[in-house]
PDB file of all heavy atoms in Angstrom:
ATOM      1  N   THR A   1      76.665  91.861  11.719  1.00  0.00           N
ATOM      2  CA  THR A   1      76.805  92.391  10.368  1.00  0.00           C
ATOM      3  C   THR A   1      77.471  93.847  10.504  1.00  0.00           C
ATOM      4  O   THR A   1      77.001  94.623  11.265  1.00  0.00           O
ATOM      5  CB  THR A   1      75.351  92.558   9.648  1.00  0.00           C
ATOM      6  OG1 THR A   1      74.840  91.249   9.672  1.00  0.00           O
ATOM      7  CG2 THR A   1      75.635  93.091   8.252  1.00  0.00           C
ATOM      8  N   VAL A   2      78.493  93.963   9.789  1.00  0.00           N
ATOM      9  CA  VAL A   2      79.279  95.212   9.924  1.00  0.00           C
ATOM     10  C   VAL A   2      79.061  96.052   8.613  1.00  0.00           C
ATOM     11  O   VAL A   2      79.280  95.608   7.517  1.00  0.00           O
ATOM     12  CB  VAL A   2      80.730  94.903  10.015  1.00  0.00           C
ATOM     13  CG1 VAL A   2      81.570  96.170  10.217  1.00  0.00           C
ATOM     14  CG2 VAL A   2      80.975  94.007  11.262  1.00  0.00           C
ATOM     15  N   PRO A   3      78.690  97.318   8.786  1.00  0.00           N
ATOM     16  CA  PRO A   3      78.513  98.139   7.618  1.00  0.00           C
ATOM     17  C   PRO A   3      79.974  98.591   7.121  1.00  0.00           C
ATOM     18  O   PRO A   3      80.931  98.733   7.864  1.00  0.00           O
ATOM     19  CB  PRO A   3      77.854  99.446   8.176  1.00  0.00           C
ATOM     20  CG  PRO A   3      78.218  99.473   9.707  1.00  0.00           C
ATOM     21  CD  PRO A   3      78.323  98.014  10.095  1.00  0.00           C
ATOM     22  N   SER A   4      80.045  98.718   5.793  1.00  0.00           N
ATOM     23  CA  SER A   4      81.347  99.047   5.216  1.00  0.00           C
ATOM     24  C   SER A   4      81.577 100.467   4.852  1.00  0.00           C
ATOM     25  O   SER A   4      82.589 100.847   4.404  1.00  0.00           O
ATOM     26  CB  SER A   4      81.578  98.176   3.986  1.00  0.00           C
ATOM     27  OG  SER A   4      80.608  98.346   2.971  1.00  0.00           O
ATOM     28  N   ASP A   5      80.495 101.312   4.983  1.00  0.00           N
ATOM     29  CA  ASP A   5      80.550 102.650   4.611  1.00  0.00           C
ATOM     30  C   ASP A   5      81.368 103.526   5.750  1.00  0.00           C
ATOM     31  O   ASP A   5      81.534 103.007   6.781  1.00  0.00           O
ATOM     32  CB  ASP A   5      79.303 103.270   4.201  1.00  0.00           C
ATOM     33  CG  ASP A   5      78.253 103.229   5.398  1.00  0.00           C
ATOM     34  OD1 ASP A   5      78.679 103.317   6.574  1.00  0.00           O
ATOM     35  OD2 ASP A   5      77.028 103.034   5.120  1.00  0.00           O
ATOM     36  N   ASP A   6      81.460 104.748   5.433  1.00  0.00           N
ATOM     37  CA  ASP A   6      82.135 105.673   6.377  1.00  0.00           C
ATOM     38  C   ASP A   6      81.398 105.996   7.578  1.00  0.00           C
ATOM     39  O   ASP A   6      81.842 106.702   8.530  1.00  0.00           O
ATOM     40  CB  ASP A   6      82.627 106.931   5.620  1.00  0.00           C
ATOM     41  CG  ASP A   6      83.691 106.718   4.622  1.00  0.00           C
ATOM     42  OD1 ASP A   6      84.362 105.672   4.734  1.00  0.00           O
ATOM     43  OD2 ASP A   6      83.812 107.528   3.748  1.00  0.00           O
ATOM     44  N   GLY A   7      80.154 105.570   7.665  1.00  0.00           N
ATOM     45  CA  GLY A   7      79.411 105.715   8.864  1.00  0.00           C
ATOM     46  C   GLY A   7      79.754 104.892   9.967  1.00  0.00           C
ATOM     47  O   GLY A   7      79.409 105.077  11.172  1.00  0.00           O
ATOM     48  N   ALA A   8      80.496 103.704   9.707  1.00  0.00           N
ATOM     49  CA  ALA A   8      80.981 102.841  10.747  1.00  0.00           C
ATOM     50  C   ALA A   8      82.227 103.385  11.344  1.00  0.00           C
ATOM     51  O   ALA A   8      82.870 104.214  10.849  1.00  0.00           O
ATOM     52  CB  ALA A   8      81.286 101.490  10.080  1.00  0.00           C
ATOM     53  N   GLY A   9      82.535 102.851  12.545  1.00  0.00           N
ATOM     54  CA  GLY A   9      83.828 103.263  13.169  1.00  0.00           C
ATOM     55  C   GLY A   9      84.998 102.762  12.467  1.00  0.00           C
ATOM     56  O   GLY A   9      84.912 101.736  11.615  1.00  0.00           O
ATOM     57  N   PRO A  10      86.203 103.209  12.814  1.00  0.00           N
ATOM     58  CA  PRO A  10      87.424 102.779  12.033  1.00  0.00           C
ATOM     59  C   PRO A  10      87.616 101.273  12.123  1.00  0.00           C
ATOM     60  O   PRO A  10      87.843 100.688  11.001  1.00  0.00           O
ATOM     61  CB  PRO A  10      88.582 103.516  12.770  1.00  0.00           C
ATOM     62  CG  PRO A  10      87.954 104.765  13.265  1.00  0.00           C
ATOM     63  CD  PRO A  10      86.453 104.316  13.708  1.00  0.00           C
ATOM     64  N   ARG A  11      87.534 100.640  13.219  1.00  0.00           N
ATOM     65  CA  ARG A  11      87.814  99.228  13.333  1.00  0.00           C
ATOM     66  C   ARG A  11      86.758  98.455  12.546  1.00  0.00           C
ATOM     67  O   ARG A  11      87.119  97.496  11.907  1.00  0.00           O
ATOM     68  CB  ARG A  11      87.869  98.745  14.756  1.00  0.00           C
ATOM     69  CG  ARG A  11      88.125  97.234  14.977  1.00  0.00           C
ATOM     70  CD  ARG A  11      88.145  96.906  16.393  1.00  0.00           C
ATOM     71  NE  ARG A  11      86.838  97.149  17.069  1.00  0.00           N
ATOM     72  CZ  ARG A  11      85.778  96.320  16.921  1.00  0.00           C
ATOM     73  NH1 ARG A  11      85.923  95.228  16.263  1.00  0.00           N
ATOM     74  NH2 ARG A  11      84.686  96.652  17.539  1.00  0.00           N
ATOM     75  N   GLU A  12      85.477  98.888  12.594  1.00  0.00           N
ATOM     76  CA  GLU A  12      84.425  98.251  11.862  1.00  0.00           C
ATOM     77  C   GLU A  12      84.621  98.329  10.307  1.00  0.00           C
ATOM     78  O   GLU A  12      84.332  97.439   9.589  1.00  0.00           O
ATOM     79  CB  GLU A  12      83.045  98.833  12.294  1.00  0.00           C
ATOM     80  CG  GLU A  12      82.573  98.439  13.650  1.00  0.00           C
ATOM     81  CD  GLU A  12      83.240  99.154  14.732  1.00  0.00           C
ATOM     82  OE1 GLU A  12      83.974 100.292  14.411  1.00  0.00           O
ATOM     83  OE2 GLU A  12      83.104  98.805  15.943  1.00  0.00           O
ATOM     84  N   GLN A  13      85.145  99.575   9.930  1.00  0.00           N
ATOM     85  CA  GLN A  13      85.395  99.603   8.454  1.00  0.00           C
ATOM     86  C   GLN A  13      86.453  98.625   7.980  1.00  0.00           C
ATOM     87  O   GLN A  13      86.312  98.010   6.945  1.00  0.00           O
ATOM     88  CB  GLN A  13      85.746 101.078   8.179  1.00  0.00           C
ATOM     89  CG  GLN A  13      84.675 102.124   8.320  1.00  0.00           C
ATOM     90  CD  GLN A  13      85.089 103.516   7.940  1.00  0.00           C
ATOM     91  OE1 GLN A  13      85.723 103.647   6.813  1.00  0.00           O
ATOM     92  NE2 GLN A  13      84.963 104.531   8.766  1.00  0.00           N
ATOM     93  N   LEU A  14      87.501  98.527   8.760  1.00  0.00           N
ATOM     94  CA  LEU A  14      88.598  97.628   8.375  1.00  0.00           C
ATOM     95  C   LEU A  14      88.162  96.159   8.536  1.00  0.00           C
ATOM     96  O   LEU A  14      88.444  95.265   7.683  1.00  0.00           O
ATOM     97  CB  LEU A  14      89.821  97.844   9.245  1.00  0.00           C
ATOM     98  CG  LEU A  14      90.437  99.242   9.158  1.00  0.00           C
ATOM     99  CD1 LEU A  14      91.749  99.217   9.958  1.00  0.00           C
ATOM    100  CD2 LEU A  14      90.592  99.709   7.778  1.00  0.00           C
ATOM    101  N   LEU A  15      87.305  95.961   9.541  1.00  0.00           N
ATOM    102  CA  LEU A  15      86.756  94.565   9.682  1.00  0.00           C
ATOM    103  C   LEU A  15      85.946  94.219   8.396  1.00  0.00           C
ATOM    104  O   LEU A  15      86.021  93.088   7.867  1.00  0.00           O
ATOM    105  CB  LEU A  15      85.864  94.420  10.951  1.00  0.00           C
ATOM    106  CG  LEU A  15      85.134  93.233  11.221  1.00  0.00           C
ATOM    107  CD1 LEU A  15      85.906  91.964  11.156  1.00  0.00           C
ATOM    108  CD2 LEU A  15      84.373  93.385  12.556  1.00  0.00           C
ATOM    109  N   ALA A  16      85.095  95.175   7.970  1.00  0.00           N
ATOM    110  CA  ALA A  16      84.306  94.843   6.708  1.00  0.00           C
ATOM    111  C   ALA A  16      85.178  94.557   5.611  1.00  0.00           C
ATOM    112  O   ALA A  16      84.829  93.695   4.703  1.00  0.00           O
ATOM    113  CB  ALA A  16      83.315  96.048   6.500  1.00  0.00           C
ATOM    114  N   LEU A  17      86.299  95.300   5.441  1.00  0.00           N
ATOM    115  CA  LEU A  17      87.125  95.064   4.294  1.00  0.00           C
ATOM    116  C   LEU A  17      87.746  93.679   4.334  1.00  0.00           C
ATOM    117  O   LEU A  17      87.939  92.934   3.336  1.00  0.00           O
ATOM    118  CB  LEU A  17      88.223  96.133   4.255  1.00  0.00           C
ATOM    119  CG  LEU A  17      87.716  97.561   3.831  1.00  0.00           C
ATOM    120  CD1 LEU A  17      88.766  98.574   4.153  1.00  0.00           C
ATOM    121  CD2 LEU A  17      87.421  97.479   2.353  1.00  0.00           C
ATOM    122  N   SER A  18      88.152  93.181   5.582  1.00  0.00           N
ATOM    123  CA  SER A  18      88.684  91.865   5.695  1.00  0.00           C
ATOM    124  C   SER A  18      87.722  90.782   5.387  1.00  0.00           C
ATOM    125  O   SER A  18      88.029  89.806   4.726  1.00  0.00           O
ATOM    126  CB  SER A  18      89.241  91.709   7.156  1.00  0.00           C
ATOM    127  OG  SER A  18      90.323  92.502   7.452  1.00  0.00           O
ATOM    128  N   LEU A  19      86.464  91.021   5.823  1.00  0.00           N
ATOM    129  CA  LEU A  19      85.382  89.991   5.506  1.00  0.00           C
ATOM    130  C   LEU A  19      85.122  89.943   3.982  1.00  0.00           C
ATOM    131  O   LEU A  19      85.096  88.897   3.448  1.00  0.00           O
ATOM    132  CB  LEU A  19      84.144  90.368   6.261  1.00  0.00           C
ATOM    133  CG  LEU A  19      84.197  90.133   7.829  1.00  0.00           C
ATOM    134  CD1 LEU A  19      82.922  90.752   8.386  1.00  0.00           C
ATOM    135  CD2 LEU A  19      84.295  88.720   8.159  1.00  0.00           C
ATOM    136  N   HIS A  20      85.128  91.121   3.408  1.00  0.00           N
ATOM    137  CA  HIS A  20      84.919  91.184   1.902  1.00  0.00           C
ATOM    138  C   HIS A  20      86.023  90.515   1.245  1.00  0.00           C
ATOM    139  O   HIS A  20      85.852  89.830   0.194  1.00  0.00           O
ATOM    140  CB  HIS A  20      84.827  92.741   1.438  1.00  0.00           C
ATOM    141  CG  HIS A  20      84.698  92.802   0.029  1.00  0.00           C
ATOM    142  ND1 HIS A  20      83.564  92.658  -0.642  1.00  0.00           N
ATOM    143  CD2 HIS A  20      85.620  93.156  -0.827  1.00  0.00           C
ATOM    144  CE1 HIS A  20      83.676  92.818  -1.923  1.00  0.00           C
ATOM    145  NE2 HIS A  20      84.970  93.131  -2.122  1.00  0.00           N
ATOM    146  N   ALA A  21      87.240  90.606   1.675  1.00  0.00           N
ATOM    147  CA  ALA A  21      88.477  89.982   1.002  1.00  0.00           C
ATOM    148  C   ALA A  21      88.609  88.558   1.333  1.00  0.00           C
ATOM    149  O   ALA A  21      89.533  87.897   0.764  1.00  0.00           O
ATOM    150  CB  ALA A  21      89.701  90.819   1.379  1.00  0.00           C
ATOM    151  N   GLY A  22      87.755  88.053   2.217  1.00  0.00           N
ATOM    152  CA  GLY A  22      87.948  86.657   2.658  1.00  0.00           C
ATOM    153  C   GLY A  22      89.064  86.293   3.602  1.00  0.00           C
ATOM    154  O   GLY A  22      89.515  85.157   3.774  1.00  0.00           O
ATOM    155  N   HIS A  23      89.533  87.336   4.295  1.00  0.00           N
ATOM    156  CA  HIS A  23      90.597  87.168   5.257  1.00  0.00           C
ATOM    157  C   HIS A  23      89.972  86.975   6.696  1.00  0.00           C
ATOM    158  O   HIS A  23      90.004  87.845   7.473  1.00  0.00           O
ATOM    159  CB  HIS A  23      91.568  88.248   5.288  1.00  0.00           C
ATOM    160  CG  HIS A  23      92.534  88.255   4.093  1.00  0.00           C
ATOM    161  ND1 HIS A  23      93.588  87.278   3.970  1.00  0.00           N
ATOM    162  CD2 HIS A  23      92.683  88.996   2.966  1.00  0.00           C
ATOM    163  CE1 HIS A  23      94.261  87.458   2.856  1.00  0.00           C
ATOM    164  NE2 HIS A  23      93.699  88.493   2.216  1.00  0.00           N
ATOM    165  N   ALA A  24      89.520  85.767   6.977  1.00  0.00           N
ATOM    166  CA  ALA A  24      88.829  85.440   8.219  1.00  0.00           C
ATOM    167  C   ALA A  24      89.650  85.737   9.381  1.00  0.00           C
ATOM    168  O   ALA A  24      89.204  86.214  10.412  1.00  0.00           O
ATOM    169  CB  ALA A  24      88.214  84.004   8.156  1.00  0.00           C
ATOM    170  N   ARG A  25      90.951  85.390   9.343  1.00  0.00           N
ATOM    171  CA  ARG A  25      91.817  85.475  10.530  1.00  0.00           C
ATOM    172  C   ARG A  25      91.975  87.015  10.829  1.00  0.00           C
ATOM    173  O   ARG A  25      91.938  87.386  12.037  1.00  0.00           O
ATOM    174  CB  ARG A  25      93.204  84.851  10.236  1.00  0.00           C
ATOM    175  CG  ARG A  25      93.165  83.390  10.503  1.00  0.00           C
ATOM    176  CD  ARG A  25      94.571  82.791  10.765  1.00  0.00           C
ATOM    177  NE  ARG A  25      95.311  82.836   9.563  1.00  0.00           N
ATOM    178  CZ  ARG A  25      96.674  82.576   9.435  1.00  0.00           C
ATOM    179  NH1 ARG A  25      97.301  82.343  10.479  1.00  0.00           N
ATOM    180  NH2 ARG A  25      97.276  82.622   8.229  1.00  0.00           N
ATOM    181  N   ALA A  26      92.256  87.832   9.762  1.00  0.00           N
ATOM    182  CA  ALA A  26      92.390  89.264   9.976  1.00  0.00           C
ATOM    183  C   ALA A  26      91.042  89.761  10.623  1.00  0.00           C
ATOM    184  O   ALA A  26      91.046  90.648  11.529  1.00  0.00           O
ATOM    185  CB  ALA A  26      92.590  90.026   8.742  1.00  0.00           C
TER     186      ALA A  26
END
């Protein structure tokens, strides 16, 4: 489970955005 707030690292923040947007490949 990846946090989406600014407390996460850069890659984790972008990963959370991809999951939220439904872009599983990204």
